[in-house]
Amino acid sequence: METSKTREPFKASYQTAPKKTAKQALPDGSQIKLSATTNVSINYSETRRRIRLFNGEARLTIHKDITWPFIVESRQASIRTHEATFNIDQRYGVTEVAVLEGAITISPIKQSKNKAKVEKGEMLKVTEHSTGSVKVFEICAYKDWYSGYTQANNIRLPELLAALNRFTTTPLITRGLDTGRLLVSGTYDLNHIENSVHLLSKSYNLKIIREESHIALELLPE
């Protein structure tokens, strides 16, 4: 049976600024990699290991210990595992997980009995009341913030902008109800936000409006 290095109580908080990422080794041998504009707290007790994701995105590698469960909570979801590597992304009212190794059990934060198992090569979106359907993805083709990109697959534009906004100090917003409901797809470069904005504009007929405090995207009439 594999066990962790230590079961001593441990508490910590980590936060990253816009455009900044971080990596942190944890005392049990687990590791957390933080995307930009991310805020987490960590609390280990003798009976469980827990991370709370207040905002942002992180990739977690959980050290195996079948007698010491690892719990990750976002505003929408609760995740439980004993050994896994997965990305968790909390944005615009949803939490998305993509499992790269091992398996997790996930449930909506307000519907704890509604559990779903997500295994290697699978991803799932969860709101605070419901789970979506498990989707399969190719790990070799998977791109996320850790590789410098974010991928959108038929999601609302504000949800994509929430991911892009972690890597810019000039907020991106939508203007108009139709723009806020626009569904978008594609792979977008987090290291070159301006290029990503122009790609969105060209692909979806969006007007770029530059204001002093933000950049707005507005759907042009057909």
Protein backbone atom coordinates (compact mmCIF):
# COMPACT_ATOMS: atom_id res chain seq x y z
CA MET A 1 0.00 0.00 0.00
CA GLU A 2 1.35 3.41 -0.95
CA THR A 3 1.14 6.11 1.69
CA SER A 4 2.07 9.77 1.78
CA LYS A 5 5.26 11.24 3.16
CA THR A 6 3.56 12.87 6.14
CA ARG A 7 0.16 13.27 7.73
CA GLU A 8 0.99 16.33 9.75
CA PRO A 9 -1.59 19.13 9.58
CA PHE A 10 -0.80 21.62 6.85
CA LYS A 11 -2.45 24.89 5.84
CA ALA A 12 -1.49 27.32 3.11
CA SER A 13 -2.91 29.77 0.60
CA TYR A 14 -1.53 30.54 -2.85
CA GLN A 15 -2.51 33.24 -5.30
CA THR A 16 -1.23 34.26 -8.71
CA ALA A 17 -1.49 37.62 -10.41
CA PRO A 18 -2.72 38.19 -13.98
CA LYS A 19 -0.28 36.77 -16.55
CA LYS A 20 1.68 34.94 -13.81
CA THR A 21 1.70 31.18 -13.12
CA ALA A 22 3.20 29.15 -10.29
CA LYS A 23 4.06 25.61 -9.21
CA GLN A 24 4.01 24.31 -5.64
CA ALA A 25 5.05 20.96 -4.17
CA LEU A 26 2.87 19.83 -1.26
CA PRO A 27 4.11 17.96 1.84
CA ASP A 28 2.41 14.65 0.91
CA GLY A 29 4.23 14.49 -2.44
CA SER A 30 1.35 15.96 -4.45
CA GLN A 31 1.86 18.95 -6.73
CA ILE A 32 -0.28 21.90 -7.76
CA LYS A 33 0.35 24.12 -10.78
CA LEU A 34 -1.55 27.40 -10.77
CA SER A 35 -2.69 29.27 -13.83
CA ALA A 36 -2.77 33.06 -13.84
CA THR A 37 -5.29 34.92 -11.66
CA THR A 38 -5.88 31.85 -9.51
CA ASN A 39 -6.53 31.63 -5.77
CA VAL A 40 -6.50 28.42 -3.69
CA SER A 41 -6.36 27.35 -0.07
CA ILE A 42 -4.94 24.04 1.18
CA ASN A 43 -5.87 22.27 4.39
CA TYR A 44 -4.53 18.84 5.37
CA SER A 45 -5.79 17.02 8.45
CA GLU A 46 -5.20 13.48 9.68
CA THR A 47 -8.33 12.25 7.91
CA ARG A 48 -8.34 14.10 4.56
CA ARG A 49 -6.44 16.39 2.21
CA ARG A 50 -8.42 19.35 0.85
CA ILE A 51 -7.90 22.13 -1.68
CA ARG A 52 -10.41 24.89 -2.31
CA LEU A 53 -10.29 26.68 -5.65
CA PHE A 54 -11.81 30.12 -5.15
CA ASN A 55 -11.16 31.28 -8.69
CA GLY A 56 -9.01 30.40 -11.67
CA GLU A 57 -7.54 27.17 -12.96
CA ALA A 58 -5.04 24.59 -11.74
CA ARG A 59 -3.46 21.30 -12.67
CA LEU A 60 -3.18 18.84 -9.80
CA THR A 61 -1.08 15.70 -9.45
CA ILE A 62 -2.30 13.77 -6.42
CA HIS A 63 0.12 11.47 -4.60
CA LYS A 64 -1.46 8.05 -4.04
CA ASP A 65 -2.74 7.22 -0.57
CA ILE A 66 -5.89 5.08 -0.54
CA THR A 67 -6.44 5.71 3.17
CA TRP A 68 -6.13 9.51 2.94
CA PRO A 69 -8.66 10.95 0.44
CA PHE A 70 -7.95 14.10 -1.52
CA ILE A 71 -10.86 16.52 -1.90
CA VAL A 72 -10.91 19.49 -4.27
CA GLU A 73 -13.76 21.99 -4.06
CA SER A 74 -14.67 24.83 -6.40
CA ARG A 75 -17.70 27.10 -6.25
CA GLN A 76 -19.62 24.57 -8.36
CA ALA A 77 -18.11 21.14 -7.73
CA SER A 78 -16.65 18.73 -5.22
CA ILE A 79 -14.02 16.26 -6.41
CA ARG A 80 -12.71 13.23 -4.57
CA THR A 81 -9.77 11.01 -5.51
CA HIS A 82 -6.89 8.99 -4.09
CA GLU A 83 -4.56 9.28 -7.08
CA ALA A 84 -4.96 11.32 -10.27
CA THR A 85 -3.62 14.09 -12.47
CA PHE A 86 -6.29 16.47 -13.68
CA ASN A 87 -6.96 20.04 -14.71
CA ILE A 88 -9.72 21.98 -12.99
CA ASP A 89 -11.03 25.19 -14.53
CA GLN A 90 -13.60 27.38 -12.78
CA ARG A 91 -15.08 30.10 -14.97
CA TYR A 92 -18.35 31.90 -15.57
CA GLY A 93 -20.54 29.72 -13.38
CA VAL A 94 -19.15 26.33 -14.38
CA THR A 95 -16.29 24.06 -13.36
CA GLU A 96 -14.65 21.89 -16.01
CA VAL A 97 -12.35 18.99 -15.20
CA ALA A 98 -10.12 17.06 -17.61
CA VAL A 99 -8.46 13.90 -16.27
CA LEU A 100 -4.97 13.16 -17.60
CA GLU A 101 -4.13 10.22 -15.31
CA GLY A 102 -6.14 8.08 -12.91
CA ALA A 103 -9.76 8.82 -12.06
CA ILE A 104 -11.88 11.16 -9.96
CA THR A 105 -15.41 11.26 -8.57
CA ILE A 106 -17.18 14.59 -8.97
CA SER A 107 -20.51 15.99 -7.83
CA PRO A 108 -22.26 19.38 -7.93
CA ILE A 109 -21.55 21.34 -4.77
CA LYS A 110 -25.29 21.60 -4.01
CA GLN A 111 -26.26 18.11 -5.21
CA SER A 112 -23.71 15.87 -3.50
CA LYS A 113 -25.62 12.65 -4.28
CA ASN A 114 -25.37 13.29 -8.02
CA LYS A 115 -21.93 11.72 -8.49
CA ALA A 116 -20.07 11.02 -11.72
CA LYS A 117 -16.83 9.15 -12.33
CA VAL A 118 -14.38 10.75 -14.73
CA GLU A 119 -11.40 8.68 -15.92
CA LYS A 120 -8.22 9.26 -17.91
CA GLY A 121 -8.99 10.88 -21.25
CA GLU A 122 -12.39 12.19 -20.13
CA MET A 123 -13.70 15.64 -19.24
CA LEU A 124 -16.86 16.93 -17.62
CA LYS A 125 -18.56 20.27 -16.90
CA VAL A 126 -20.43 20.83 -13.65
CA THR A 127 -22.64 23.61 -12.33
CA GLU A 128 -23.52 23.94 -8.67
CA HIS A 129 -26.75 21.96 -9.27
CA SER A 130 -26.03 19.59 -12.17
CA THR A 131 -23.45 17.67 -14.19
CA GLY A 132 -23.11 17.59 -17.94
CA SER A 133 -22.22 14.52 -19.97
CA VAL A 134 -18.77 12.96 -19.84
CA LYS A 135 -16.82 13.66 -23.03
CA VAL A 136 -13.78 11.79 -24.35
CA PHE A 137 -10.70 13.69 -25.54
CA GLU A 138 -7.32 12.72 -26.94
CA ILE A 139 -4.67 13.44 -24.34
CA CYS A 140 -1.94 13.84 -26.96
CA ALA A 141 -3.97 16.64 -28.61
CA TYR A 142 -5.16 18.25 -25.38
CA LYS A 143 -4.11 21.87 -24.90
CA ASP A 144 -4.69 23.94 -21.79
CA TRP A 145 -3.17 26.90 -19.97
CA TYR A 146 -0.09 24.85 -19.03
CA SER A 147 0.80 24.55 -22.72
CA GLY A 148 -0.09 28.20 -23.35
CA TYR A 149 -3.54 27.76 -24.88
CA THR A 150 -7.19 27.50 -24.05
CA GLN A 151 -9.61 25.44 -26.08
CA ALA A 152 -13.27 26.24 -26.64
CA ASN A 153 -15.80 23.71 -27.89
CA ASN A 154 -19.15 25.35 -28.56
CA ILE A 155 -19.15 27.43 -25.38
CA ARG A 156 -20.55 30.89 -24.71
CA LEU A 157 -18.21 33.74 -25.56
CA PRO A 158 -18.15 35.12 -21.97
CA GLU A 159 -16.91 31.74 -20.75
CA LEU A 160 -13.99 31.88 -23.17
CA LEU A 161 -13.24 35.51 -22.25
CA ALA A 162 -13.04 34.50 -18.59
CA ALA A 163 -10.15 32.18 -19.49
CA LEU A 164 -8.43 34.81 -21.64
CA ASN A 165 -8.81 37.47 -18.96
CA ARG A 166 -6.47 35.60 -16.63
CA PHE A 167 -3.64 36.45 -18.97
CA THR A 168 -4.31 40.14 -19.54
CA THR A 169 -4.51 43.26 -17.41
CA THR A 170 -7.08 44.82 -19.75
CA PRO A 171 -10.40 43.01 -19.21
CA LEU A 172 -12.26 41.60 -22.20
CA ILE A 173 -16.05 41.91 -22.05
CA THR A 174 -19.03 41.36 -24.31
CA ARG A 175 -21.47 44.05 -25.36
CA GLY A 176 -25.06 43.21 -26.21
CA LEU A 177 -27.28 40.23 -25.37
CA ASP A 178 -26.63 38.49 -28.68
CA THR A 179 -22.89 38.74 -28.16
CA GLY A 180 -23.19 37.25 -24.68
CA ARG A 181 -25.10 34.28 -26.09
CA LEU A 182 -22.69 33.67 -28.97
CA LEU A 183 -21.25 30.13 -29.05
CA VAL A 184 -17.60 29.84 -30.03
CA SER A 185 -15.01 27.13 -30.67
CA GLY A 186 -11.30 26.99 -31.40
CA THR A 187 -7.86 27.11 -29.83
CA TYR A 188 -6.67 30.46 -28.49
CA ASP A 189 -3.18 31.61 -27.56
CA LEU A 190 -2.90 32.78 -23.94
CA ASN A 191 0.53 34.31 -24.45
CA HIS A 192 -0.68 36.57 -27.25
CA ILE A 193 -4.11 37.79 -26.18
CA GLU A 194 -4.26 40.45 -28.88
CA ASN A 195 -3.92 37.74 -31.53
CA SER A 196 -6.69 35.75 -29.89
CA VAL A 197 -8.99 38.78 -29.86
CA HIS A 198 -8.39 39.39 -33.56
CA LEU A 199 -8.99 35.69 -34.30
CA LEU A 200 -12.34 35.89 -32.51
CA SER A 201 -13.24 39.08 -34.35
CA LYS A 202 -12.48 37.60 -37.73
CA SER A 203 -14.08 34.22 -37.05
CA TYR A 204 -17.34 35.49 -35.55
CA ASN A 205 -17.88 38.94 -37.11
CA LEU A 206 -17.18 40.80 -33.88
CA LYS A 207 -16.39 44.48 -33.57
CA ILE A 208 -13.48 45.33 -31.24
CA ILE A 209 -14.23 48.39 -29.11
CA ARG A 210 -11.29 49.73 -27.14
CA GLU A 211 -12.16 51.69 -24.02
CA GLU A 212 -9.88 53.13 -21.37
CA SER A 213 -10.59 50.38 -18.83
CA HIS A 214 -11.48 47.39 -21.04
CA ILE A 215 -11.90 45.93 -24.51
CA ALA A 216 -15.46 45.10 -25.59
CA LEU A 217 -16.51 42.66 -28.29
CA GLU A 218 -19.80 43.28 -30.04
CA LEU A 219 -21.53 41.14 -32.63
CA LEU A 220 -21.95 43.06 -35.87
CA PRO A 221 -25.29 42.95 -37.69
CA GLU A 222 -25.38 40.57 -40.63
